[in-house]
PDB file of N, CA and C in Angstrom:
ATOM      1  N   UNK A   1     130.764 231.690 121.906  1.00  0.00           N
ATOM      2  CA  UNK A   1     131.793 231.107 123.021  1.00  0.00           C
ATOM      3  C   UNK A   1     131.112 230.607 124.347  1.00  0.00           C
ATOM      4  N   UNK A   2     130.223 230.752 124.246  1.00  0.00           N
ATOM      5  CA  UNK A   2     129.596 229.197 124.841  1.00  0.00           C
ATOM      6  C   UNK A   2     130.074 227.713 124.399  1.00  0.00           C
ATOM      7  N   UNK A   3     130.408 227.632 123.381  1.00  0.00           N
ATOM      8  CA  UNK A   3     130.153 226.462 122.837  1.00  0.00           C
ATOM      9  C   UNK A   3     131.949 226.240 123.073  1.00  0.00           C
ATOM     10  N   UNK A   4     133.074 227.021 122.463  1.00  0.00           N
ATOM     11  CA  UNK A   4     133.822 226.764 123.087  1.00  0.00           C
ATOM     12  C   UNK A   4     134.106 226.660 124.551  1.00  0.00           C
ATOM     13  N   UNK A   5     133.698 226.857 125.195  1.00  0.00           N
ATOM     14  CA  UNK A   5     134.076 226.894 127.073  1.00  0.00           C
ATOM     15  C   UNK A   5     133.251 225.148 126.840  1.00  0.00           C
ATOM     16  N   UNK A   6     132.481 225.260 126.776  1.00  0.00           N
ATOM     17  CA  UNK A   6     131.558 223.655 126.687  1.00  0.00           C
ATOM     18  C   UNK A   6     132.395 222.499 126.343  1.00  0.00           C
ATOM     19  N   UNK A   7     132.628 222.845 124.820  1.00  0.00           N
ATOM     20  CA  UNK A   7     133.525 222.204 124.267  1.00  0.00           C
ATOM     21  C   UNK A   7     135.080 221.540 125.150  1.00  0.00           C
ATOM     22  N   UNK A   8     135.355 222.976 125.836  1.00  0.00           N
ATOM     23  CA  UNK A   8     136.907 222.898 126.302  1.00  0.00           C
ATOM     24  C   UNK A   8     136.298 221.849 127.524  1.00  0.00           C
ATOM     25  N   UNK A   9     135.479 222.361 128.442  1.00  0.00           N
ATOM     26  CA  UNK A   9     135.081 221.314 129.812  1.00  0.00           C
ATOM     27  C   UNK A   9     134.770 219.789 129.421  1.00  0.00           C
ATOM     28  N   UNK A  10     134.321 220.085 128.472  1.00  0.00           N
ATOM     29  CA  UNK A  10     134.188 218.510 127.965  1.00  0.00           C
ATOM     30  C   UNK A  10     135.251 217.331 127.819  1.00  0.00           C
ATOM     31  N   UNK A  11     136.387 218.169 126.952  1.00  0.00           N
ATOM     32  CA  UNK A  11     137.686 217.677 127.238  1.00  0.00           C
ATOM     33  C   UNK A  11     138.227 217.565 128.253  1.00  0.00           C
ATOM     34  N   UNK A  12     137.960 218.300 128.997  1.00  0.00           N
ATOM     35  CA  UNK A  12     139.094 218.366 130.428  1.00  0.00           C
ATOM     36  C   UNK A  12     138.621 217.822 131.417  1.00  0.00           C
ATOM     37  N   UNK A  13     137.652 217.063 131.114  1.00  0.00           N
ATOM     38  CA  UNK A  13     136.234 216.002 131.942  1.00  0.00           C
ATOM     39  C   UNK A  13     136.736 214.917 131.746  1.00  0.00           C
ATOM     40  N   UNK A  14     136.726 214.840 130.114  1.00  0.00           N
ATOM     41  CA  UNK A  14     137.316 213.416 128.967  1.00  0.00           C
ATOM     42  C   UNK A  14     138.792 213.059 129.761  1.00  0.00           C
ATOM     43  N   UNK A  15     139.845 213.769 129.844  1.00  0.00           N
ATOM     44  CA  UNK A  15     140.965 213.361 130.311  1.00  0.00           C
ATOM     45  C   UNK A  15     141.137 213.256 131.767  1.00  0.00           C
ATOM     46  N   UNK A  16     140.035 214.358 132.830  1.00  0.00           N
ATOM     47  CA  UNK A  16     140.167 213.350 133.916  1.00  0.00           C
ATOM     48  C   UNK A  16     139.627 211.870 133.788  1.00  0.00           C
ATOM     49  N   UNK A  17     139.148 211.919 133.462  1.00  0.00           N
ATOM     50  CA  UNK A  17     138.155 210.560 133.582  1.00  0.00           C
ATOM     51  C   UNK A  17     139.059 209.586 133.536  1.00  0.00           C
ATOM     52  N   UNK A  18     139.857 209.583 132.363  1.00  0.00           N
ATOM     53  CA  UNK A  18     140.472 208.585 131.420  1.00  0.00           C
ATOM     54  C   UNK A  18     141.700 208.522 132.485  1.00  0.00           C
ATOM     55  N   UNK A  19     142.398 209.790 133.472  1.00  0.00           N
ATOM     56  CA  UNK A  19     143.742 209.551 134.756  1.00  0.00           C
ATOM     57  C   UNK A  19     142.940 208.580 135.625  1.00  0.00           C
ATOM     58  N   UNK A  20     141.714 208.714 135.866  1.00  0.00           N
ATOM     59  CA  UNK A  20     141.869 208.108 137.305  1.00  0.00           C
ATOM     60  C   UNK A  20     141.461 206.489 136.745  1.00  0.00           C
ATOM     61  N   UNK A  21     141.970 205.640 137.869  1.00  0.00           N
ATOM     62  CA  UNK A  21     142.011 203.946 137.542  1.00  0.00           C
ATOM     63  C   UNK A  21     140.869 203.612 137.506  1.00  0.00           C
ATOM     64  N   UNK A  22     140.681 202.357 136.794  1.00  0.00           N
ATOM     65  CA  UNK A  22     139.210 201.692 136.426  1.00  0.00           C
ATOM     66  C   UNK A  22     138.885 201.433 137.642  1.00  0.00           C
ATOM     67  N   UNK A  23     137.284 201.525 137.920  1.00  0.00           N
ATOM     68  CA  UNK A  23     136.529 201.138 138.438  1.00  0.00           C
ATOM     69  C   UNK A  23     136.878 199.847 139.729  1.00  0.00           C
ATOM     70  N   UNK A  24     136.826 199.812 140.647  1.00  0.00           N
ATOM     71  CA  UNK A  24     136.935 197.945 141.339  1.00  0.00           C
ATOM     72  C   UNK A  24     135.269 197.685 141.711  1.00  0.00           C
ATOM     73  N   UNK A  25     135.415 196.594 141.911  1.00  0.00           N
ATOM     74  CA  UNK A  25     134.559 195.501 141.833  1.00  0.00           C
ATOM     75  C   UNK A  25     134.305 195.496 143.712  1.00  0.00           C
ATOM     76  N   UNK A  26     132.843 196.524 144.158  1.00  0.00           N
ATOM     77  CA  UNK A  26     133.034 196.704 145.361  1.00  0.00           C
ATOM     78  C   UNK A  26     132.528 195.241 146.336  1.00  0.00           C
ATOM     79  N   UNK A  27     132.289 194.285 145.764  1.00  0.00           N
ATOM     80  CA  UNK A  27     132.019 193.265 146.472  1.00  0.00           C
ATOM     81  C   UNK A  27     133.631 192.383 146.485  1.00  0.00           C
ATOM     82  N   UNK A  28     134.061 192.799 145.667  1.00  0.00           N
ATOM     83  CA  UNK A  28     135.496 192.009 145.813  1.00  0.00           C
ATOM     84  C   UNK A  28     136.307 193.047 147.127  1.00  0.00           C
ATOM     85  N   UNK A  29     136.520 194.262 146.741  1.00  0.00           N
ATOM     86  CA  UNK A  29     136.844 194.935 148.536  1.00  0.00           C
ATOM     87  C   UNK A  29     136.044 194.489 149.615  1.00  0.00           C
ATOM     88  N   UNK A  30     135.083 193.905 149.407  1.00  0.00           N
ATOM     89  CA  UNK A  30     134.330 193.611 151.079  1.00  0.00           C
ATOM     90  C   UNK A  30     134.936 192.385 151.205  1.00  0.00           C
ATOM     91  N   UNK A  31     135.229 191.389 150.500  1.00  0.00           N
ATOM     92  CA  UNK A  31     135.582 190.153 150.679  1.00  0.00           C
ATOM     93  C   UNK A  31     137.256 190.428 151.385  1.00  0.00           C
ATOM     94  N   UNK A  32     137.763 191.134 150.715  1.00  0.00           N
ATOM     95  CA  UNK A  32     139.318 191.419 150.810  1.00  0.00           C
ATOM     96  C   UNK A  32     139.509 192.055 152.017  1.00  0.00           C
ATOM     97  N   UNK A  33     138.225 192.882 152.777  1.00  0.00           N
ATOM     98  CA  UNK A  33     138.496 193.229 153.714  1.00  0.00           C
ATOM     99  C   UNK A  33     138.233 192.363 155.259  1.00  0.00           C
ATOM    100  N   UNK A  34     137.085 191.259 154.738  1.00  0.00           N
ATOM    101  CA  UNK A  34     136.499 190.433 155.717  1.00  0.00           C
ATOM    102  C   UNK A  34     137.550 189.225 156.205  1.00  0.00           C
ATOM    103  N   UNK A  35     138.552 189.555 154.855  1.00  0.00           N
ATOM    104  CA  UNK A  35     139.701 188.268 154.765  1.00  0.00           C
ATOM    105  C   UNK A  35     140.737 189.040 155.258  1.00  0.00           C
ATOM    106  N   UNK A  36     140.456 190.610 156.044  1.00  0.00           N
ATOM    107  CA  UNK A  36     141.558 191.077 156.363  1.00  0.00           C
ATOM    108  C   UNK A  36     143.176 191.207 155.731  1.00  0.00           C
ATOM    109  N   UNK A  37     143.011 191.394 154.258  1.00  0.00           N
ATOM    110  CA  UNK A  37     143.565 191.658 153.510  1.00  0.00           C
ATOM    111  C   UNK A  37     144.238 193.199 153.171  1.00  0.00           C
ATOM    112  N   UNK A  38     143.453 194.186 153.197  1.00  0.00           N
ATOM    113  CA  UNK A  38     143.119 195.707 153.250  1.00  0.00           C
ATOM    114  C   UNK A  38     144.038 196.153 154.264  1.00  0.00           C
ATOM    115  N   UNK A  39     144.658 195.870 155.305  1.00  0.00           N
ATOM    116  CA  UNK A  39     145.970 196.276 156.270  1.00  0.00           C
ATOM    117  C   UNK A  39     146.864 196.051 155.930  1.00  0.00           C
ATOM    118  N   UNK A  40     147.219 195.352 154.470  1.00  0.00           N
ATOM    119  CA  UNK A  40     148.786 195.436 154.304  1.00  0.00           C
ATOM    120  C   UNK A  40     148.313 195.404 152.980  1.00  0.00           C
ATOM    121  N   UNK A  41     147.604 195.399 152.471  1.00  0.00           N
ATOM    122  CA  UNK A  41     147.300 195.756 150.687  1.00  0.00           C
ATOM    123  C   UNK A  41     146.475 197.006 150.295  1.00  0.00           C
ATOM    124  N   UNK A  42     146.019 197.614 148.857  1.00  0.00           N
ATOM    125  CA  UNK A  42     145.530 198.248 148.538  1.00  0.00           C
ATOM    126  C   UNK A  42     145.079 197.946 146.918  1.00  0.00           C
ATOM    127  N   UNK A  43     144.544 197.943 146.094  1.00  0.00           N
ATOM    128  CA  UNK A  43     144.258 198.096 144.984  1.00  0.00           C
ATOM    129  C   UNK A  43     145.675 198.593 143.887  1.00  0.00           C
ATOM    130  N   UNK A  44     145.754 200.115 144.499  1.00  0.00           N
ATOM    131  CA  UNK A  44     146.426 200.543 143.508  1.00  0.00           C
ATOM    132  C   UNK A  44     147.731 201.532 144.463  1.00  0.00           C
ATOM    133  N   UNK A  45     148.236 201.264 145.337  1.00  0.00           N
ATOM    134  CA  UNK A  45     149.222 201.985 146.411  1.00  0.00           C
ATOM    135  C   UNK A  45     150.026 201.097 147.442  1.00  0.00           C
ATOM    136  N   UNK A  46     150.540 200.617 147.007  1.00  0.00           N
ATOM    137  CA  UNK A  46     151.812 199.830 147.540  1.00  0.00           C
ATOM    138  C   UNK A  46     151.930 199.914 149.189  1.00  0.00           C
ATOM    139  N   UNK A  47     151.638 199.383 150.495  1.00  0.00           N
ATOM    140  CA  UNK A  47     151.157 199.677 152.209  1.00  0.00           C
ATOM    141  C   UNK A  47     152.629 198.800 152.340  1.00  0.00           C
ATOM    142  N   UNK A  48     151.829 198.020 152.818  1.00  0.00           N
ATOM    143  CA  UNK A  48     153.114 196.955 153.621  1.00  0.00           C
ATOM    144  C   UNK A  48     153.550 196.081 152.559  1.00  0.00           C
ATOM    145  N   UNK A  49     152.187 195.477 151.982  1.00  0.00           N
ATOM    146  CA  UNK A  49     152.368 194.607 150.622  1.00  0.00           C
ATOM    147  C   UNK A  49     152.737 195.028 149.482  1.00  0.00           C
ATOM    148  N   UNK A  50     152.429 194.647 148.245  1.00  0.00           N
ATOM    149  CA  UNK A  50     152.500 195.501 146.749  1.00  0.00           C
ATOM    150  C   UNK A  50     151.044 195.754 146.516  1.00  0.00           C
ATOM    151  N   UNK A  51     150.952 196.735 145.998  1.00  0.00           N
ATOM    152  CA  UNK A  51     149.521 197.138 145.040  1.00  0.00           C
ATOM    153  C   UNK A  51     149.185 195.815 144.181  1.00  0.00           C
ATOM    154  N   UNK A  52     147.628 195.855 144.234  1.00  0.00           N
ATOM    155  CA  UNK A  52     147.022 194.335 143.848  1.00  0.00           C
ATOM    156  C   UNK A  52     146.863 194.505 142.192  1.00  0.00           C
ATOM    157  N   UNK A  53     147.476 195.840 141.554  1.00  0.00           N
ATOM    158  CA  UNK A  53     147.423 196.194 140.371  1.00  0.00           C
ATOM    159  C   UNK A  53     149.011 195.569 139.914  1.00  0.00           C
ATOM    160  N   UNK A  54     150.018 196.172 140.673  1.00  0.00           N
ATOM    161  CA  UNK A  54     151.245 195.825 140.379  1.00  0.00           C
ATOM    162  C   UNK A  54     151.680 193.807 140.579  1.00  0.00           C
ATOM    163  N   UNK A  55     150.494 193.565 141.355  1.00  0.00           N
ATOM    164  CA  UNK A  55     150.605 191.870 140.965  1.00  0.00           C
ATOM    165  C   UNK A  55     149.824 191.114 139.969  1.00  0.00           C
ATOM    166  N   UNK A  56     148.763 192.152 139.837  1.00  0.00           N
ATOM    167  CA  UNK A  56     147.986 191.069 138.094  1.00  0.00           C
ATOM    168  C   UNK A  56     149.747 191.779 137.193  1.00  0.00           C
ATOM    169  N   UNK A  57     150.022 193.255 137.253  1.00  0.00           N
ATOM    170  CA  UNK A  57     150.914 193.656 136.101  1.00  0.00           C
ATOM    171  C   UNK A  57     152.437 192.290 136.285  1.00  0.00           C
ATOM    172  N   UNK A  58     152.312 191.859 137.129  1.00  0.00           N
ATOM    173  CA  UNK A  58     154.052 191.262 137.405  1.00  0.00           C
ATOM    174  C   UNK A  58     153.631 189.577 136.438  1.00  0.00           C
ATOM    175  N   UNK A  59     152.625 189.083 136.808  1.00  0.00           N
ATOM    176  CA  UNK A  59     151.938 188.440 136.758  1.00  0.00           C
ATOM    177  C   UNK A  59     150.950 187.456 135.529  1.00  0.00           C
ATOM    178  N   UNK A  60     150.170 188.848 134.367  1.00  0.00           N
ATOM    179  CA  UNK A  60     149.283 189.001 133.817  1.00  0.00           C
ATOM    180  C   UNK A  60     150.256 187.923 132.467  1.00  0.00           C
ATOM    181  N   UNK A  61     149.298 186.860 132.229  1.00  0.00           N
ATOM    182  CA  UNK A  61     149.552 186.090 130.725  1.00  0.00           C
ATOM    183  C   UNK A  61     150.174 184.655 131.434  1.00  0.00           C
ATOM    184  N   UNK A  62     149.932 184.859 132.279  1.00  0.00           N
ATOM    185  CA  UNK A  62     151.232 183.463 133.589  1.00  0.00           C
ATOM    186  C   UNK A  62     149.510 182.911 134.282  1.00  0.00           C
ATOM    187  N   UNK A  63     149.220 182.159 133.955  1.00  0.00           N
ATOM    188  CA  UNK A  63     147.489 181.227 134.519  1.00  0.00           C
ATOM    189  C   UNK A  63     148.462 180.365 135.405  1.00  0.00           C
ATOM    190  N   UNK A  64     149.960 179.838 135.116  1.00  0.00           N
ATOM    191  CA  UNK A  64     149.948 178.568 136.292  1.00  0.00           C
ATOM    192  C   UNK A  64     150.412 179.225 137.426  1.00  0.00           C
ATOM    193  N   UNK A  65     150.356 180.627 137.956  1.00  0.00           N
ATOM    194  CA  UNK A  65     150.849 181.263 139.197  1.00  0.00           C
ATOM    195  C   UNK A  65     149.686 181.337 139.911  1.00  0.00           C
ATOM    196  N   UNK A  66     148.540 180.785 139.405  1.00  0.00           N
ATOM    197  CA  UNK A  66     147.103 181.368 140.327  1.00  0.00           C
ATOM    198  C   UNK A  66     147.513 180.397 141.151  1.00  0.00           C
ATOM    199  N   UNK A  67     147.485 179.044 141.153  1.00  0.00           N
ATOM    200  CA  UNK A  67     147.508 178.492 142.412  1.00  0.00           C
ATOM    201  C   UNK A  67     148.462 178.743 143.259  1.00  0.00           C
ATOM    202  N   UNK A  68     149.802 178.790 143.061  1.00  0.00           N
ATOM    203  CA  UNK A  68     151.194 179.732 143.878  1.00  0.00           C
ATOM    204  C   UNK A  68     150.866 180.646 144.367  1.00  0.00           C
ATOM    205  N   UNK A  69     149.938 181.119 143.881  1.00  0.00           N
ATOM    206  CA  UNK A  69     149.680 182.726 144.462  1.00  0.00           C
ATOM    207  C   UNK A  69     148.396 182.693 145.664  1.00  0.00           C
ATOM    208  N   UNK A  70     147.778 181.283 145.525  1.00  0.00           N
ATOM    209  CA  UNK A  70     147.087 181.201 146.428  1.00  0.00           C
ATOM    210  C   UNK A  70     147.294 180.283 147.718  1.00  0.00           C
ATOM    211  N   UNK A  71     148.554 179.575 147.190  1.00  0.00           N
ATOM    212  CA  UNK A  71     149.077 178.697 148.587  1.00  0.00           C
ATOM    213  C   UNK A  71     150.223 179.463 149.224  1.00  0.00           C
ATOM    214  N   UNK A  72     150.436 180.630 148.875  1.00  0.00           N
ATOM    215  CA  UNK A  72     151.381 181.989 148.990  1.00  0.00           C
ATOM    216  C   UNK A  72     150.867 182.831 150.224  1.00  0.00           C
ATOM    217  N   UNK A  73     149.517 183.137 149.920  1.00  0.00           N
ATOM    218  CA  UNK A  73     148.881 183.632 150.814  1.00  0.00           C
ATOM    219  C   UNK A  73     148.080 182.864 152.005  1.00  0.00           C
ATOM    220  N   UNK A  74     147.794 181.685 151.652  1.00  0.00           N
ATOM    221  CA  UNK A  74     147.227 180.707 152.422  1.00  0.00           C
ATOM    222  C   UNK A  74     148.618 180.336 153.813  1.00  0.00           C
ATOM    223  N   UNK A  75     149.368 180.135 153.446  1.00  0.00           N
ATOM    224  CA  UNK A  75     150.560 180.069 154.137  1.00  0.00           C
ATOM    225  C   UNK A  75     151.657 180.566 154.587  1.00  0.00           C
ATOM    226  N   UNK A  76     151.935 181.881 153.920  1.00  0.00           N
ATOM    227  CA  UNK A  76     152.692 183.025 153.735  1.00  0.00           C
ATOM    228  C   UNK A  76     154.075 183.134 153.154  1.00  0.00           C
ATOM    229  N   UNK A  77     154.923 183.671 153.747  1.00  0.00           N
ATOM    230  CA  UNK A  77     156.038 183.700 152.870  1.00  0.00           C
ATOM    231  C   UNK A  77     156.565 185.196 152.276  1.00  0.00           C
ATOM    232  N   UNK A  78     157.584 185.263 151.795  1.00  0.00           N
ATOM    233  CA  UNK A  78     158.439 186.311 151.688  1.00  0.00           C
ATOM    234  C   UNK A  78     159.746 186.506 150.868  1.00  0.00           C
ATOM    235  N   UNK A  79     159.960 187.299 150.593  1.00  0.00           N
ATOM    236  CA  UNK A  79     161.262 187.617 149.392  1.00  0.00           C
ATOM    237  C   UNK A  79     160.752 187.879 147.862  1.00  0.00           C
ATOM    238  N   UNK A  80     159.537 188.009 147.405  1.00  0.00           N
ATOM    239  CA  UNK A  80     159.297 188.039 146.233  1.00  0.00           C
ATOM    240  C   UNK A  80     159.440 189.550 146.185  1.00  0.00           C
ATOM    241  N   UNK A  81     158.450 190.500 146.907  1.00  0.00           N
ATOM    242  CA  UNK A  81     158.374 191.569 147.069  1.00  0.00           C
ATOM    243  C   UNK A  81     159.489 192.338 147.724  1.00  0.00           C
ATOM    244  N   UNK A  82     160.157 192.088 148.344  1.00  0.00           N
ATOM    245  CA  UNK A  82     161.497 193.305 149.015  1.00  0.00           C
ATOM    246  C   UNK A  82     161.490 191.958 150.546  1.00  0.00           C
ATOM    247  N   UNK A  83     161.616 192.841 151.491  1.00  0.00           N
ATOM    248  CA  UNK A  83     162.188 191.771 152.323  1.00  0.00           C
ATOM    249  C   UNK A  83     161.614 191.665 153.442  1.00  0.00           C
ATOM    250  N   UNK A  84     160.253 192.391 153.159  1.00  0.00           N
ATOM    251  CA  UNK A  84     158.738 191.817 154.338  1.00  0.00           C
ATOM    252  C   UNK A  84     158.642 190.304 154.385  1.00  0.00           C
ATOM    253  N   UNK A  85     157.889 190.249 155.105  1.00  0.00           N
ATOM    254  CA  UNK A  85     157.458 188.618 155.360  1.00  0.00           C
ATOM    255  C   UNK A  85     155.928 188.707 155.599  1.00  0.00           C
ATOM    256  N   UNK A  86     155.144 188.033 154.303  1.00  0.00           N
ATOM    257  CA  UNK A  86     153.412 187.758 154.560  1.00  0.00           C
ATOM    258  C   UNK A  86     153.164 186.824 155.149  1.00  0.00           C
ATOM    259  N   UNK A  87     152.419 187.187 156.107  1.00  0.00           N
ATOM    260  CA  UNK A  87     152.088 186.232 157.228  1.00  0.00           C
ATOM    261  C   UNK A  87     150.760 185.657 156.931  1.00  0.00           C
ATOM    262  N   UNK A  88     150.457 184.401 157.197  1.00  0.00           N
ATOM    263  CA  UNK A  88     149.640 183.318 156.300  1.00  0.00           C
ATOM    264  C   UNK A  88     147.837 184.013 157.068  1.00  0.00           C
ATOM    265  N   UNK A  89     146.968 183.163 155.787  1.00  0.00           N
ATOM    266  CA  UNK A  89     145.743 183.946 156.008  1.00  0.00           C
ATOM    267  C   UNK A  89     145.440 182.775 155.982  1.00  0.00           C
ATOM    268  N   UNK A  90     145.007 181.886 156.555  1.00  0.00           N
ATOM    269  CA  UNK A  90     143.892 180.673 156.927  1.00  0.00           C
ATOM    270  C   UNK A  90     143.010 180.701 157.321  1.00  0.00           C
ATOM    271  N   UNK A  91     142.612 181.838 157.800  1.00  0.00           N
ATOM    272  CA  UNK A  91     141.592 182.496 158.264  1.00  0.00           C
ATOM    273  C   UNK A  91     140.623 182.614 156.936  1.00  0.00           C
ATOM    274  N   UNK A  92     141.204 183.033 155.989  1.00  0.00           N
ATOM    275  CA  UNK A  92     140.076 183.276 154.968  1.00  0.00           C
ATOM    276  C   UNK A  92     140.258 182.321 154.331  1.00  0.00           C
ATOM    277  N   UNK A  93     140.685 181.453 154.105  1.00  0.00           N
ATOM    278  CA  UNK A  93     140.041 179.821 153.367  1.00  0.00           C
ATOM    279  C   UNK A  93     140.281 179.895 152.159  1.00  0.00           C
ATOM    280  N   UNK A  94     141.026 178.893 151.844  1.00  0.00           N
ATOM    281  CA  UNK A  94     141.359 178.385 150.821  1.00  0.00           C
ATOM    282  C   UNK A  94     140.433 179.071 149.140  1.00  0.00           C
ATOM    283  N   UNK A  95     139.064 178.807 149.668  1.00  0.00           N
ATOM    284  CA  UNK A  95     137.607 179.572 148.216  1.00  0.00           C
ATOM    285  C   UNK A  95     138.049 181.001 148.179  1.00  0.00           C
ATOM    286  N   UNK A  96     137.686 181.450 149.493  1.00  0.00           N
ATOM    287  CA  UNK A  96     137.968 182.961 149.237  1.00  0.00           C
ATOM    288  C   UNK A  96     139.245 183.551 148.795  1.00  0.00           C
ATOM    289  N   UNK A  97     140.337 183.183 149.425  1.00  0.00           N
ATOM    290  CA  UNK A  97     142.050 183.014 148.891  1.00  0.00           C
ATOM    291  C   UNK A  97     141.754 183.310 147.239  1.00  0.00           C
ATOM    292  N   UNK A  98     141.257 182.038 146.726  1.00  0.00           N
ATOM    293  CA  UNK A  98     140.793 181.397 145.044  1.00  0.00           C
ATOM    294  C   UNK A  98     140.544 182.897 144.319  1.00  0.00           C
ATOM    295  N   UNK A  99     139.002 183.093 145.025  1.00  0.00           N
ATOM    296  CA  UNK A  99     138.083 184.423 144.556  1.00  0.00           C
ATOM    297  C   UNK A  99     139.148 185.527 144.095  1.00  0.00           C
ATOM    298  N   UNK A 100     139.782 186.323 145.094  1.00  0.00           N
ATOM    299  CA  UNK A 100     140.587 187.207 145.540  1.00  0.00           C
ATOM    300  C   UNK A 100     141.752 187.038 144.511  1.00  0.00           C
ATOM    301  N   UNK A 101     142.511 185.942 144.042  1.00  0.00           N
ATOM    302  CA  UNK A 101     143.486 186.072 143.982  1.00  0.00           C
ATOM    303  C   UNK A 101     142.921 186.214 142.056  1.00  0.00           C
ATOM    304  N   UNK A 102     142.162 185.325 141.421  1.00  0.00           N
ATOM    305  CA  UNK A 102     141.881 185.341 140.694  1.00  0.00           C
ATOM    306  C   UNK A 102     140.846 186.823 139.883  1.00  0.00           C
ATOM    307  N   UNK A 103     140.517 187.325 140.901  1.00  0.00           N
ATOM    308  CA  UNK A 103     140.047 189.051 140.354  1.00  0.00           C
ATOM    309  C   UNK A 103     141.300 189.813 140.912  1.00  0.00           C
ATOM    310  N   UNK A 104     142.272 189.596 141.564  1.00  0.00           N
ATOM    311  CA  UNK A 104     143.445 190.148 141.531  1.00  0.00           C
ATOM    312  C   UNK A 104     144.371 190.288 140.681  1.00  0.00           C
ATOM    313  N   UNK A 105     143.848 189.181 139.569  1.00  0.00           N
ATOM    314  CA  UNK A 105     144.940 188.867 138.621  1.00  0.00           C
ATOM    315  C   UNK A 105     144.394 189.593 137.325  1.00  0.00           C
ATOM    316  N   UNK A 106     143.043 190.108 136.998  1.00  0.00           N
ATOM    317  CA  UNK A 106     142.187 190.639 136.262  1.00  0.00           C
ATOM    318  C   UNK A 106     142.298 192.029 136.374  1.00  0.00           C
ATOM    319  N   UNK A 107     143.062 192.757 137.441  1.00  0.00           N
ATOM    320  CA  UNK A 107     143.365 193.665 137.301  1.00  0.00           C
ATOM    321  C   UNK A 107     143.995 194.954 136.251  1.00  0.00           C
ATOM    322  N   UNK A 108     143.262 195.882 135.138  1.00  0.00           N
ATOM    323  CA  UNK A 108     144.209 196.510 134.839  1.00  0.00           C
ATOM    324  C   UNK A 108     145.089 197.285 135.195  1.00  0.00           C
ATOM    325  N   UNK A 109     146.032 197.697 134.449  1.00  0.00           N
ATOM    326  CA  UNK A 109     147.306 198.578 134.773  1.00  0.00           C
ATOM    327  C   UNK A 109     146.059 200.107 135.004  1.00  0.00           C
ATOM    328  N   UNK A 110     146.860 200.949 136.060  1.00  0.00           N
ATOM    329  CA  UNK A 110     145.952 202.343 136.371  1.00  0.00           C
ATOM    330  C   UNK A 110     146.182 202.654 135.248  1.00  0.00           C
TER     331      UNK A 110
END
């Protein structure tokens, strides 16, 4: 009986672990926070702007889009994810934006 309960517990924990989104790099979240991205974005949930996993999914396999996204974050823009406008984020600087965009594009689906 104890073996069955242990096996069932292990199986349930395994399923719960696989249902959770993959962990994210805390250093990237810190950079995103310092760059003031987290007021409008989240890794897994649409806030004002799209969830970053959704961005990664949309642009996966399209390396040419990296610089386009860097410019979009730097200068702002709208119309791609709905009617809301993304304000420019020149304060973050293109180097930090490029680091974040590269990381966002590597995020796996949840």
